Amino acid sequence: MEKDNTQRFVSLYGFFAIEYPSHWKQETDESRQYIFSNEAGGSGVARIIVFDNEFLGEDAGVKMLEEVFNQNKEFNPSLLAAGKNRFVHFVKEHDVNSSNFTVYYWATAHSDKVVLITYMIQTSMKGMPMPETEKQQIEAMVASLEFMHDTAKHG
């Protein structure tokens, strides 16, 4: 994404920042999930969810990524270096109220938290121009993820 076409989002408590397309809107729902969607009639929704890392110690982040990787082996996960972070990336198909959805997942760990970024589209739209463009924008968002500082905490 070109810098001119993005805006910067900083999470609650300044834990992380991310660049997202300027024509998208951002909301925070009641469960403190960050939701990003294309206001110009987009086809998918991106979410960023922050939760506690169940592992402790200096290698807690590595252990959590190994856990995410191992729990999702049936979905052919891959390890991805994007920006300054390492992610486990995988794709799942879900049936929700008789509709099929494809969800792309990127998980990383920092400090005592895990950050999960998802992008969900209707499976029937997968491969069409709009969702492919949005997916590329989400991948740029993932690469832009920046943890603000080592002592930052997220609620």
Protein backbone atom coordinates (compact mmCIF):
# COMPACT_ATOMS: atom_id res chain seq x y z
CA MET A 1 0.00 0.00 0.00
CA GLU A 2 1.22 3.46 -0.81
CA LYS A 3 1.56 5.66 2.27
CA ASP A 4 -0.65 8.36 0.65
CA ASN A 5 -3.54 5.90 0.45
CA THR A 6 -3.37 4.67 4.03
CA GLN A 7 -4.14 5.83 7.49
CA ARG A 8 -2.58 4.72 10.74
CA PHE A 9 -4.54 2.94 13.44
CA VAL A 10 -3.20 2.67 16.99
CA SER A 11 -4.83 0.09 19.25
CA LEU A 12 -6.13 0.64 22.75
CA TYR A 13 -3.33 1.37 25.20
CA GLY A 14 -0.92 1.95 22.29
CA PHE A 15 -0.02 -1.74 22.08
CA PHE A 16 0.30 -1.88 18.30
CA ALA A 17 -0.16 0.24 15.20
CA ILE A 18 -1.14 -0.76 11.70
CA GLU A 19 -1.58 0.96 8.34
CA TYR A 20 -4.89 0.38 6.55
CA PRO A 21 -6.49 1.73 3.35
CA SER A 22 -7.81 5.28 3.78
CA HIS A 23 -11.15 4.40 2.15
CA TRP A 24 -11.83 1.71 4.76
CA LYS A 25 -13.59 2.29 8.05
CA GLN A 26 -12.43 1.06 11.42
CA GLU A 27 -14.60 0.13 14.38
CA THR A 28 -13.98 -1.45 17.75
CA ASP A 29 -16.76 -3.77 18.89
CA GLU A 30 -17.97 -4.47 22.43
CA SER A 31 -15.49 -7.34 22.83
CA ARG A 32 -12.62 -5.01 21.82
CA GLN A 33 -12.05 -6.63 18.45
CA TYR A 34 -10.83 -4.20 15.81
CA ILE A 35 -12.89 -4.40 12.62
CA PHE A 36 -11.83 -3.00 9.25
CA SER A 37 -14.07 -2.90 6.18
CA ASN A 38 -14.09 -1.30 2.76
CA GLU A 39 -16.62 1.56 2.73
CA ALA A 40 -16.68 1.47 -1.07
CA GLY A 41 -18.73 -1.74 -1.17
CA GLY A 42 -16.04 -4.21 -0.27
CA SER A 43 -16.52 -7.93 -0.16
CA GLY A 44 -14.83 -8.93 3.08
CA VAL A 45 -14.17 -7.95 6.66
CA ALA A 46 -10.85 -7.88 8.49
CA ARG A 47 -10.62 -8.32 12.25
CA ILE A 48 -7.75 -7.96 14.67
CA ILE A 49 -8.14 -9.81 17.95
CA VAL A 50 -5.70 -9.56 20.85
CA PHE A 51 -5.68 -12.22 23.53
CA ASP A 52 -3.41 -13.51 26.27
CA ASN A 53 -0.49 -15.76 25.44
CA GLU A 54 -0.84 -18.91 27.55
CA PHE A 55 2.94 -19.41 27.53
CA LEU A 56 5.36 -17.55 29.78
CA GLY A 57 9.03 -16.67 29.58
CA GLU A 58 11.42 -15.27 27.01
CA ASP A 59 10.43 -17.82 24.38
CA ALA A 60 6.66 -17.48 24.98
CA GLY A 61 6.08 -15.98 21.53
CA VAL A 62 7.92 -18.80 19.77
CA LYS A 63 6.07 -21.43 21.80
CA MET A 64 2.71 -19.85 20.96
CA LEU A 65 3.47 -19.73 17.23
CA GLU A 66 4.51 -23.39 17.36
CA GLU A 67 1.23 -24.17 19.13
CA VAL A 68 -0.85 -22.30 16.53
CA PHE A 69 1.08 -24.03 13.73
CA ASN A 70 0.59 -27.49 15.25
CA GLN A 71 -3.10 -26.94 16.03
CA ASN A 72 -3.77 -26.03 12.41
CA LYS A 73 -1.68 -28.62 10.56
CA GLU A 74 -4.71 -29.89 8.65
CA PHE A 75 -4.98 -26.42 7.05
CA ASN A 76 -1.40 -26.45 5.72
CA PRO A 77 -0.08 -23.52 7.78
CA SER A 78 2.99 -21.64 6.71
CA LEU A 79 5.48 -19.48 8.56
CA LEU A 80 5.64 -15.98 7.17
CA ALA A 81 8.01 -13.12 7.87
CA ALA A 82 6.18 -9.85 7.25
CA GLY A 83 7.62 -6.53 8.27
CA LYS A 84 9.37 -7.01 11.62
CA ASN A 85 7.18 -9.91 12.69
CA ARG A 86 6.80 -13.62 12.14
CA PHE A 87 3.35 -15.06 11.54
CA VAL A 88 1.67 -18.41 11.22
CA HIS A 89 -0.65 -18.13 8.22
CA PHE A 90 -3.40 -20.54 7.19
CA VAL A 91 -6.80 -20.59 5.48
CA LYS A 92 -9.98 -22.29 6.68
CA GLU A 93 -13.40 -22.81 5.14
CA HIS A 94 -16.36 -22.25 7.49
CA ASP A 95 -20.08 -22.91 7.17
CA VAL A 96 -22.06 -20.15 8.89
CA ASN A 97 -25.85 -20.24 8.71
CA SER A 98 -25.74 -22.35 5.52
CA SER A 99 -23.30 -19.95 3.81
CA ASN A 100 -19.71 -20.87 3.03
CA PHE A 101 -16.95 -18.49 4.06
CA THR A 102 -13.21 -18.51 3.54
CA VAL A 103 -11.18 -17.07 6.39
CA TYR A 104 -7.51 -16.15 6.06
CA TYR A 105 -5.60 -16.15 9.36
CA TRP A 106 -2.32 -14.52 10.41
CA ALA A 107 -1.17 -15.05 14.02
CA THR A 108 1.82 -13.51 15.77
CA ALA A 109 2.87 -13.16 19.39
CA HIS A 110 4.50 -10.29 21.23
CA SER A 111 5.18 -9.87 24.91
CA ASP A 112 2.36 -11.60 26.77
CA LYS A 113 -0.21 -11.26 23.96
CA VAL A 114 -1.16 -12.98 20.74
CA VAL A 115 -2.43 -10.92 17.82
CA LEU A 116 -4.72 -12.68 15.35
CA ILE A 117 -5.60 -10.95 12.08
CA THR A 118 -8.38 -12.46 9.98
CA TYR A 119 -9.95 -11.67 6.63
CA MET A 120 -13.31 -13.30 5.86
CA ILE A 121 -15.11 -13.46 2.52
CA GLN A 122 -17.88 -15.57 1.07
CA THR A 123 -16.22 -18.56 -0.54
CA SER A 124 -18.15 -18.01 -3.78
CA MET A 125 -16.35 -14.65 -4.17
CA LYS A 126 -12.85 -16.07 -3.70
CA GLY A 127 -10.69 -15.34 -6.73
CA MET A 128 -12.84 -12.45 -7.97
CA PRO A 129 -11.10 -9.09 -8.50
CA MET A 130 -12.50 -7.19 -5.47
CA PRO A 131 -11.72 -9.83 -2.81
CA GLU A 132 -8.28 -10.43 -4.35
CA THR A 133 -7.51 -6.69 -4.17
CA GLU A 134 -8.78 -6.57 -0.59
CA LYS A 135 -6.71 -9.63 0.33
CA GLN A 136 -3.61 -7.88 -1.01
CA GLN A 137 -4.51 -4.82 1.09
CA ILE A 138 -4.88 -7.04 4.16
CA GLU A 139 -1.49 -8.61 3.45
CA ALA A 140 -0.02 -5.08 3.37
CA MET A 141 -1.78 -4.36 6.69
CA VAL A 142 -0.25 -7.51 8.18
CA ALA A 143 3.21 -6.45 7.00
CA SER A 144 2.71 -2.99 8.54
CA LEU A 145 1.94 -4.33 12.04
CA GLU A 146 4.20 -2.54 14.50
CA PHE A 147 4.36 -3.18 18.21
CA MET A 148 4.76 0.25 19.77
CA HIS A 149 7.29 -0.67 22.46
CA ASP A 150 8.25 -3.69 24.51
CA THR A 151 6.53 -2.49 27.65
CA ALA A 152 3.19 -1.69 25.96
CA LYS A 153 0.34 -3.72 27.34
CA HIS A 154 -3.07 -4.40 25.88
CA GLY A 155 -5.79 -4.38 28.54
